Amino acid sequence: MYYKRNEAFRYVFNQPFPAKVKSLSNEPSHDVFIHDISLNGVKMESHTEFQKEKALYLEFTLLDQDIIKTGVIMWKKSFGKRFQYGLKLDVDQSYHEQIIHLLKQLVKNNS
């Protein structure tokens, strides 16, 4: 499946930051690191292998705001014992506004 990562709005973090994912079927959560974020998804890394098209809950905190979204793994790359994933999030306009606001604050704070 082709997945377009050329969205106009994508923020790449200087240092990947921690998050948690878990399956929609209430399995235990797994640690991941978010590398970048766009309006519709994230690029994340984990030591846990997930299958493409698996639905997950993603939980992370950005500037003291907790964000919980569902998403589907669109692509997977293996790097030794680590895996990178593209997670397409189930989002709405309010999420877009929230993430834009938070990332603007983050850029301002890091200037």
C-alpha atoms as a PDB file:
ATOM      1  CA  MET A   1       0.000   0.000   0.000  1.00  0.00           C
ATOM      2  CA  TYR A   2       1.368   3.405  -0.972  1.00  0.00           C
ATOM      3  CA  TYR A   3       1.381   5.961   1.841  1.00  0.00           C
ATOM      4  CA  LYS A   4       2.023   9.619   1.084  1.00  0.00           C
ATOM      5  CA  ARG A   5       4.258  11.318   3.674  1.00  0.00           C
ATOM      6  CA  ASN A   6       4.377  14.629   1.824  1.00  0.00           C
ATOM      7  CA  GLU A   7       1.726  16.473   3.797  1.00  0.00           C
ATOM      8  CA  ALA A   8       2.221  20.226   3.835  1.00  0.00           C
ATOM      9  CA  PHE A   9       2.231  20.283   7.626  1.00  0.00           C
ATOM     10  CA  ARG A  10       4.733  17.960   9.306  1.00  0.00           C
ATOM     11  CA  TYR A  11       6.756  18.720  12.437  1.00  0.00           C
ATOM     12  CA  VAL A  12       9.937  16.721  13.056  1.00  0.00           C
ATOM     13  CA  PHE A  13      11.038  16.670  16.687  1.00  0.00           C
ATOM     14  CA  ASN A  14      14.713  17.244  17.551  1.00  0.00           C
ATOM     15  CA  GLN A  15      14.493  14.344  19.982  1.00  0.00           C
ATOM     16  CA  PRO A  16      11.833  11.637  19.676  1.00  0.00           C
ATOM     17  CA  PHE A  17       9.525  11.751  22.670  1.00  0.00           C
ATOM     18  CA  PRO A  18       7.821   8.911  24.561  1.00  0.00           C
ATOM     19  CA  ALA A  19       4.261   7.764  24.014  1.00  0.00           C
ATOM     20  CA  LYS A  20       2.206   4.626  24.588  1.00  0.00           C
ATOM     21  CA  VAL A  21       0.198   2.495  22.203  1.00  0.00           C
ATOM     22  CA  LYS A  22      -2.164  -0.335  22.866  1.00  0.00           C
ATOM     23  CA  SER A  23      -4.463  -2.431  20.784  1.00  0.00           C
ATOM     24  CA  LEU A  24      -8.170  -1.700  20.694  1.00  0.00           C
ATOM     25  CA  SER A  25      -8.734  -5.154  22.245  1.00  0.00           C
ATOM     26  CA  ASN A  26      -7.323  -4.103  25.655  1.00  0.00           C
ATOM     27  CA  GLU A  27      -3.917  -5.750  25.395  1.00  0.00           C
ATOM     28  CA  PRO A  28      -1.136  -4.247  27.551  1.00  0.00           C
ATOM     29  CA  SER A  29       0.325  -0.947  26.369  1.00  0.00           C
ATOM     30  CA  HIS A  30       3.717  -0.658  24.656  1.00  0.00           C
ATOM     31  CA  ASP A  31       6.300   2.119  24.765  1.00  0.00           C
ATOM     32  CA  VAL A  32       6.961   3.985  21.539  1.00  0.00           C
ATOM     33  CA  PHE A  33       8.811   7.145  20.547  1.00  0.00           C
ATOM     34  CA  ILE A  34       7.251   9.741  18.255  1.00  0.00           C
ATOM     35  CA  HIS A  35       9.673  11.114  15.653  1.00  0.00           C
ATOM     36  CA  ASP A  36       7.335  13.442  13.797  1.00  0.00           C
ATOM     37  CA  ILE A  37       3.724  14.493  13.634  1.00  0.00           C
ATOM     38  CA  SER A  38       1.421  15.783  10.930  1.00  0.00           C
ATOM     39  CA  LEU A  39      -2.222  16.807  10.998  1.00  0.00           C
ATOM     40  CA  ASN A  40      -3.246  13.251  10.158  1.00  0.00           C
ATOM     41  CA  GLY A  41      -0.641  10.984  11.682  1.00  0.00           C
ATOM     42  CA  VAL A  42       2.674  10.265  13.361  1.00  0.00           C
ATOM     43  CA  LYS A  43       5.916   8.498  12.619  1.00  0.00           C
ATOM     44  CA  MET A  44       6.831   6.378  15.628  1.00  0.00           C
ATOM     45  CA  GLU A  45       9.411   3.802  16.664  1.00  0.00           C
ATOM     46  CA  SER A  46       9.153   0.770  18.927  1.00  0.00           C
ATOM     47  CA  HIS A  47      10.892  -2.442  19.915  1.00  0.00           C
ATOM     48  CA  THR A  48       7.496  -4.123  19.553  1.00  0.00           C
ATOM     49  CA  GLU A  49       6.484  -5.459  16.168  1.00  0.00           C
ATOM     50  CA  PHE A  50       2.940  -4.646  15.047  1.00  0.00           C
ATOM     51  CA  GLN A  51       1.213  -5.731  11.861  1.00  0.00           C
ATOM     52  CA  LYS A  52       0.332  -3.275   9.126  1.00  0.00           C
ATOM     53  CA  GLU A  53      -3.293  -2.139   9.221  1.00  0.00           C
ATOM     54  CA  LYS A  54      -3.506  -2.875  12.967  1.00  0.00           C
ATOM     55  CA  ALA A  55      -5.708  -0.404  14.841  1.00  0.00           C
ATOM     56  CA  LEU A  56      -4.168   1.138  17.972  1.00  0.00           C
ATOM     57  CA  TYR A  57      -4.783   3.714  20.668  1.00  0.00           C
ATOM     58  CA  LEU A  58      -1.979   6.295  20.801  1.00  0.00           C
ATOM     59  CA  GLU A  59      -1.449   8.224  24.044  1.00  0.00           C
ATOM     60  CA  PHE A  60       1.036  11.072  24.388  1.00  0.00           C
ATOM     61  CA  THR A  61       1.543  14.361  26.218  1.00  0.00           C
ATOM     62  CA  LEU A  62       2.566  17.524  24.427  1.00  0.00           C
ATOM     63  CA  LEU A  63       3.124  20.684  26.481  1.00  0.00           C
ATOM     64  CA  ASP A  64       1.219  19.223  29.447  1.00  0.00           C
ATOM     65  CA  GLN A  65      -1.808  18.312  27.324  1.00  0.00           C
ATOM     66  CA  ASP A  66      -2.743  14.644  27.168  1.00  0.00           C
ATOM     67  CA  ILE A  67      -3.778  13.433  23.736  1.00  0.00           C
ATOM     68  CA  ILE A  68      -5.418  10.081  23.054  1.00  0.00           C
ATOM     69  CA  LYS A  69      -6.287   9.091  19.487  1.00  0.00           C
ATOM     70  CA  THR A  70      -7.045   5.939  17.580  1.00  0.00           C
ATOM     71  CA  GLY A  71      -5.135   5.153  14.436  1.00  0.00           C
ATOM     72  CA  VAL A  72      -4.142   2.497  11.935  1.00  0.00           C
ATOM     73  CA  ILE A  73      -0.622   1.428  10.981  1.00  0.00           C
ATOM     74  CA  MET A  74      -0.140   2.331   7.326  1.00  0.00           C
ATOM     75  CA  TRP A  75       3.512   1.364   6.865  1.00  0.00           C
ATOM     76  CA  LYS A  76       6.285  -0.432   8.750  1.00  0.00           C
ATOM     77  CA  LYS A  77      10.083  -0.476   8.401  1.00  0.00           C
ATOM     78  CA  SER A  78      12.454  -2.769  10.276  1.00  0.00           C
ATOM     79  CA  PHE A  79      15.769  -1.484  11.696  1.00  0.00           C
ATOM     80  CA  GLY A  80      17.466  -4.394  13.452  1.00  0.00           C
ATOM     81  CA  LYS A  81      15.471  -4.983  16.625  1.00  0.00           C
ATOM     82  CA  ARG A  82      13.469  -1.753  16.225  1.00  0.00           C
ATOM     83  CA  PHE A  83      10.535  -0.903  13.990  1.00  0.00           C
ATOM     84  CA  GLN A  84       9.336   2.386  12.591  1.00  0.00           C
ATOM     85  CA  TYR A  85       5.685   2.896  11.782  1.00  0.00           C
ATOM     86  CA  GLY A  86       3.449   5.388  10.071  1.00  0.00           C
ATOM     87  CA  LEU A  87       0.259   5.666  12.090  1.00  0.00           C
ATOM     88  CA  LYS A  88      -2.687   7.363  10.379  1.00  0.00           C
ATOM     89  CA  LEU A  89      -4.833   8.912  13.103  1.00  0.00           C
ATOM     90  CA  ASP A  90      -8.597   9.181  13.236  1.00  0.00           C
ATOM     91  CA  VAL A  91      -8.854  12.972  13.633  1.00  0.00           C
ATOM     92  CA  ASP A  92     -11.294  15.832  13.305  1.00  0.00           C
ATOM     93  CA  GLN A  93     -11.077  19.612  12.919  1.00  0.00           C
ATOM     94  CA  SER A  94     -10.764  20.205  16.671  1.00  0.00           C
ATOM     95  CA  TYR A  95      -7.712  17.912  16.791  1.00  0.00           C
ATOM     96  CA  HIS A  96      -6.172  19.793  13.845  1.00  0.00           C
ATOM     97  CA  GLU A  97      -6.664  23.087  15.673  1.00  0.00           C
ATOM     98  CA  GLN A  98      -5.301  21.658  18.936  1.00  0.00           C
ATOM     99  CA  ILE A  99      -2.159  20.167  17.388  1.00  0.00           C
ATOM    100  CA  ILE A 100      -1.426  23.306  15.339  1.00  0.00           C
ATOM    101  CA  HIS A 101      -1.760  25.437  18.480  1.00  0.00           C
ATOM    102  CA  LEU A 102       0.485  23.124  20.534  1.00  0.00           C
ATOM    103  CA  LEU A 103       3.172  22.902  17.861  1.00  0.00           C
ATOM    104  CA  LYS A 104       3.193  26.692  17.400  1.00  0.00           C
ATOM    105  CA  GLN A 105       3.732  27.010  21.159  1.00  0.00           C
ATOM    106  CA  LEU A 106       6.482  24.388  21.040  1.00  0.00           C
ATOM    107  CA  VAL A 107       8.294  26.228  18.233  1.00  0.00           C
ATOM    108  CA  LYS A 108       7.920  29.531  20.082  1.00  0.00           C
ATOM    109  CA  ASN A 109       9.260  28.006  23.322  1.00  0.00           C
ATOM    110  CA  ASN A 110      12.268  26.524  21.496  1.00  0.00           C
ATOM    111  CA  SER A 111      13.212  29.776  19.714  1.00  0.00           C
END
